[in-house]
Amino acid sequence: MGKLYRGRYRNKSTRLQSWDYAWNARYFVTICTGDRKRYFGKIINGQMKLSPIGQLVKGFWEMIPLHFPWIELDEYVIMPDHIHGIIKIYHDKTTRARTPESGVQPLNKKGGKNPKWKPGTLGVVINQFKRICTINARKIDPGFQWQSRYHDHIIRTERALNNIRRYIKNNPKKWHDDRSNHDITGNKSC
């Protein structure tokens, strides 16, 4: 049966095929919880009030540069069922060389290194962030889960960067007004 359906029902990647996600750039990332369950807290009077899981996610987000020295965080916001953030990748010869030896490697289901994850990429960062959050969030709520994918947008201009920063800052204030949850690129955020 496994051979019969091999490759037929796979979702096509949402990543830009002509882009190397290890390239130095800024990325606008949205990561949603499974079934958009509101694990991270509530919006009260236009401000996000974090739950214990929300606090945990905030702490792990802020620790990303400690584990990935070639990452710089910019504006971010944790919402009840998702997180928006700007991640800047800036490799130099030193950080690029250290990345594979950082001790943080995505694992396959058998516990070995996962060959589909290229070291030094945005995917590795998101994978490890989701992984550590899941391990710890399940101590609070055993049902915690993320959606299997995440949305990214490559930020190419200063104007786009400023628009995205503004969108992120204002996201909690607009939560109750705009429940369609479309991001500023016109795509569903999750």
Protein backbone atom coordinates (compact mmCIF):
# COMPACT_ATOMS: atom_id res chain seq x y z
CA MET A 1 0.00 0.00 0.00
CA GLY A 2 2.86 2.41 0.79
CA LYS A 3 4.26 2.15 -2.73
CA LEU A 4 0.85 2.55 -4.35
CA TYR A 5 0.30 6.13 -3.11
CA ARG A 6 3.92 7.26 -2.94
CA GLY A 7 4.10 10.97 -3.79
CA ARG A 8 0.49 11.27 -4.99
CA TYR A 9 -1.13 13.03 -2.07
CA ARG A 10 1.66 15.30 -1.00
CA ASN A 11 0.99 18.99 -0.65
CA LYS A 12 3.14 21.12 -2.90
CA SER A 13 5.68 23.24 -1.04
CA THR A 14 4.70 26.83 -0.39
CA ARG A 15 8.35 27.90 -0.45
CA LEU A 16 9.60 29.97 -3.39
CA GLN A 17 11.42 27.36 -5.47
CA SER A 18 13.95 29.80 -6.93
CA TRP A 19 14.99 31.05 -3.48
CA ASP A 20 17.60 29.63 -1.11
CA TYR A 21 16.18 30.09 2.40
CA ALA A 22 19.72 30.26 3.78
CA TRP A 23 20.29 33.52 1.89
CA ASN A 24 20.73 36.67 3.91
CA ALA A 25 17.36 38.39 3.99
CA ARG A 26 14.46 39.36 6.22
CA TYR A 27 11.49 37.01 6.38
CA PHE A 28 7.98 37.70 7.67
CA VAL A 29 6.87 34.47 9.31
CA THR A 30 3.47 33.35 10.58
CA ILE A 31 3.15 30.14 12.57
CA CYS A 32 -0.31 28.92 13.61
CA THR A 33 -1.51 26.48 16.21
CA GLY A 34 -3.24 23.26 15.18
CA ASP A 35 -6.90 23.89 14.35
CA ARG A 36 -6.25 27.53 15.28
CA LYS A 37 -6.83 26.65 18.93
CA ARG A 38 -6.19 29.64 21.17
CA TYR A 39 -3.40 28.29 23.34
CA PHE A 40 -1.44 31.53 23.67
CA GLY A 41 -3.88 33.77 25.54
CA LYS A 42 -6.60 36.38 24.93
CA ILE A 43 -6.94 39.83 23.44
CA ILE A 44 -8.36 42.20 26.07
CA ASN A 45 -8.90 45.86 25.20
CA GLY A 46 -6.63 45.56 22.17
CA GLN A 47 -3.74 44.02 24.11
CA MET A 48 -2.53 40.45 24.18
CA LYS A 49 -2.65 38.78 27.60
CA LEU A 50 -0.42 35.72 27.41
CA SER A 51 -1.36 32.38 28.89
CA PRO A 52 1.33 30.15 30.42
CA ILE A 53 1.84 28.55 27.00
CA GLY A 54 1.97 32.02 25.43
CA GLN A 55 4.66 33.03 27.94
CA LEU A 56 6.60 29.90 27.10
CA VAL A 57 6.38 30.60 23.33
CA LYS A 58 7.49 34.20 23.90
CA GLY A 59 10.52 33.04 25.85
CA PHE A 60 11.57 30.48 23.24
CA TRP A 61 11.06 32.99 20.40
CA GLU A 62 13.36 35.47 22.14
CA MET A 63 15.98 32.72 22.65
CA ILE A 64 16.26 31.92 18.93
CA PRO A 65 19.41 34.07 18.42
CA LEU A 66 21.13 32.27 21.31
CA HIS A 67 20.85 28.98 19.42
CA PHE A 68 21.29 30.44 15.94
CA PRO A 69 23.90 33.22 16.08
CA TRP A 70 23.20 34.13 12.44
CA ILE A 71 19.62 35.16 13.28
CA GLU A 72 18.43 38.59 14.33
CA LEU A 73 14.86 39.07 15.52
CA ASP A 74 12.84 42.13 14.61
CA GLU A 75 9.24 43.01 15.43
CA TYR A 76 7.00 40.13 16.55
CA VAL A 77 3.66 39.52 18.22
CA ILE A 78 2.11 36.48 19.81
CA MET A 79 -1.62 36.27 19.15
CA PRO A 80 -4.15 33.82 20.65
CA ASP A 81 -3.63 31.21 17.91
CA HIS A 82 -0.54 32.30 15.98
CA ILE A 83 2.71 34.21 16.08
CA HIS A 84 3.91 36.79 13.55
CA GLY A 85 7.57 37.71 13.46
CA ILE A 86 10.33 39.14 11.32
CA ILE A 87 13.47 37.04 11.22
CA LYS A 88 16.67 38.33 9.66
CA ILE A 89 19.24 35.82 8.44
CA TYR A 90 22.75 37.22 8.19
CA HIS A 91 25.37 34.59 7.56
CA ASP A 92 29.04 35.39 7.38
CA LYS A 93 31.85 32.88 6.93
CA THR A 94 32.10 32.31 10.69
CA THR A 95 28.41 31.67 11.39
CA ARG A 96 27.90 29.62 8.23
CA ALA A 97 30.74 27.31 9.28
CA ARG A 98 29.40 26.94 12.84
CA THR A 99 25.81 26.18 11.91
CA PRO A 100 26.14 22.43 11.21
CA GLU A 101 28.07 21.97 14.44
CA SER A 102 25.65 23.94 16.61
CA GLY A 103 24.18 20.75 18.08
CA VAL A 104 20.70 21.65 16.88
CA GLN A 105 19.83 19.48 13.93
CA PRO A 106 16.34 18.49 12.81
CA LEU A 107 15.89 14.77 13.28
CA ASN A 108 14.02 12.31 11.13
CA LYS A 109 11.48 9.90 12.67
CA LYS A 110 14.20 7.33 13.35
CA GLY A 111 16.33 9.83 15.30
CA GLY A 112 18.96 10.44 12.60
CA LYS A 113 19.73 13.72 10.86
CA ASN A 114 16.99 14.74 8.46
CA PRO A 115 18.50 15.11 4.96
CA LYS A 116 15.70 17.39 3.75
CA TRP A 117 16.70 20.14 6.18
CA LYS A 118 19.58 22.22 4.91
CA PRO A 119 21.64 23.68 7.76
CA GLY A 120 21.52 27.45 8.11
CA THR A 121 18.02 27.87 6.67
CA LEU A 122 14.83 29.50 7.88
CA GLY A 123 13.19 26.05 7.90
CA VAL A 124 15.67 24.73 10.44
CA VAL A 125 15.02 27.70 12.74
CA ILE A 126 11.24 27.32 12.56
CA ASN A 127 11.44 23.53 12.94
CA GLN A 128 13.51 23.78 16.12
CA PHE A 129 11.41 26.62 17.55
CA LYS A 130 8.21 24.62 17.05
CA ARG A 131 9.85 21.49 18.44
CA ILE A 132 11.04 23.02 21.73
CA CYS A 133 7.72 24.84 22.21
CA THR A 134 5.77 21.62 21.63
CA ILE A 135 7.86 19.60 24.08
CA ASN A 136 7.33 22.17 26.83
CA ALA A 137 3.75 23.23 26.01
CA ARG A 138 2.59 19.62 26.23
CA LYS A 139 3.62 19.65 29.88
CA ILE A 140 0.88 22.26 30.36
CA ASP A 141 -1.64 20.97 27.79
CA PRO A 142 -0.95 17.48 26.36
CA GLY A 143 -3.08 18.30 23.30
CA PHE A 144 -0.93 21.23 22.18
CA GLN A 145 0.04 21.19 18.52
CA TRP A 146 1.11 23.46 15.69
CA GLN A 147 -0.13 23.41 12.13
CA SER A 148 2.34 21.35 10.15
CA ARG A 149 3.43 24.25 7.96
CA TYR A 150 4.18 27.93 8.37
CA HIS A 151 3.77 30.93 6.08
CA ASP A 152 6.73 33.06 5.06
CA HIS A 153 7.15 36.17 2.97
CA ILE A 154 10.56 37.40 1.81
CA ILE A 155 10.87 41.10 2.66
CA ARG A 156 12.58 42.81 -0.25
CA THR A 157 12.20 46.55 0.38
CA GLU A 158 12.43 48.97 3.29
CA ARG A 159 8.87 50.08 2.59
CA ALA A 160 7.60 46.50 2.86
CA LEU A 161 9.58 46.04 6.07
CA ASN A 162 7.98 49.14 7.63
CA ASN A 163 4.49 48.07 6.51
CA ILE A 164 4.97 44.62 8.03
CA ARG A 165 6.30 46.09 11.27
CA ARG A 166 3.21 48.30 11.49
CA TYR A 167 0.94 45.33 10.73
CA ILE A 168 2.56 43.27 13.50
CA LYS A 169 2.35 46.11 16.07
CA ASN A 170 -1.32 46.75 15.29
CA ASN A 171 -2.38 43.10 15.07
CA PRO A 172 -3.77 42.84 18.64
CA LYS A 173 -5.81 46.06 18.23
CA LYS A 174 -7.42 44.72 15.04
CA TRP A 175 -8.05 41.17 16.28
CA HIS A 176 -11.76 41.61 16.95
CA ASP A 177 -12.34 43.79 13.88
CA ASP A 178 -10.73 41.51 11.31
CA ARG A 179 -11.23 37.83 12.03
CA SER A 180 -10.53 36.86 8.41
CA ASN A 181 -6.87 36.62 9.52
CA HIS A 182 -5.41 37.52 6.14
CA ASP A 183 -1.91 38.89 6.27
CA ILE A 184 -0.77 42.01 4.42
CA THR A 185 0.53 39.96 1.49
CA GLY A 186 -3.05 38.91 0.69
CA ASN A 187 -2.53 35.30 1.70
CA LYS A 188 -4.26 33.52 4.53
CA SER A 189 -1.87 33.68 7.43
CA CYS A 190 -2.08 29.92 8.01
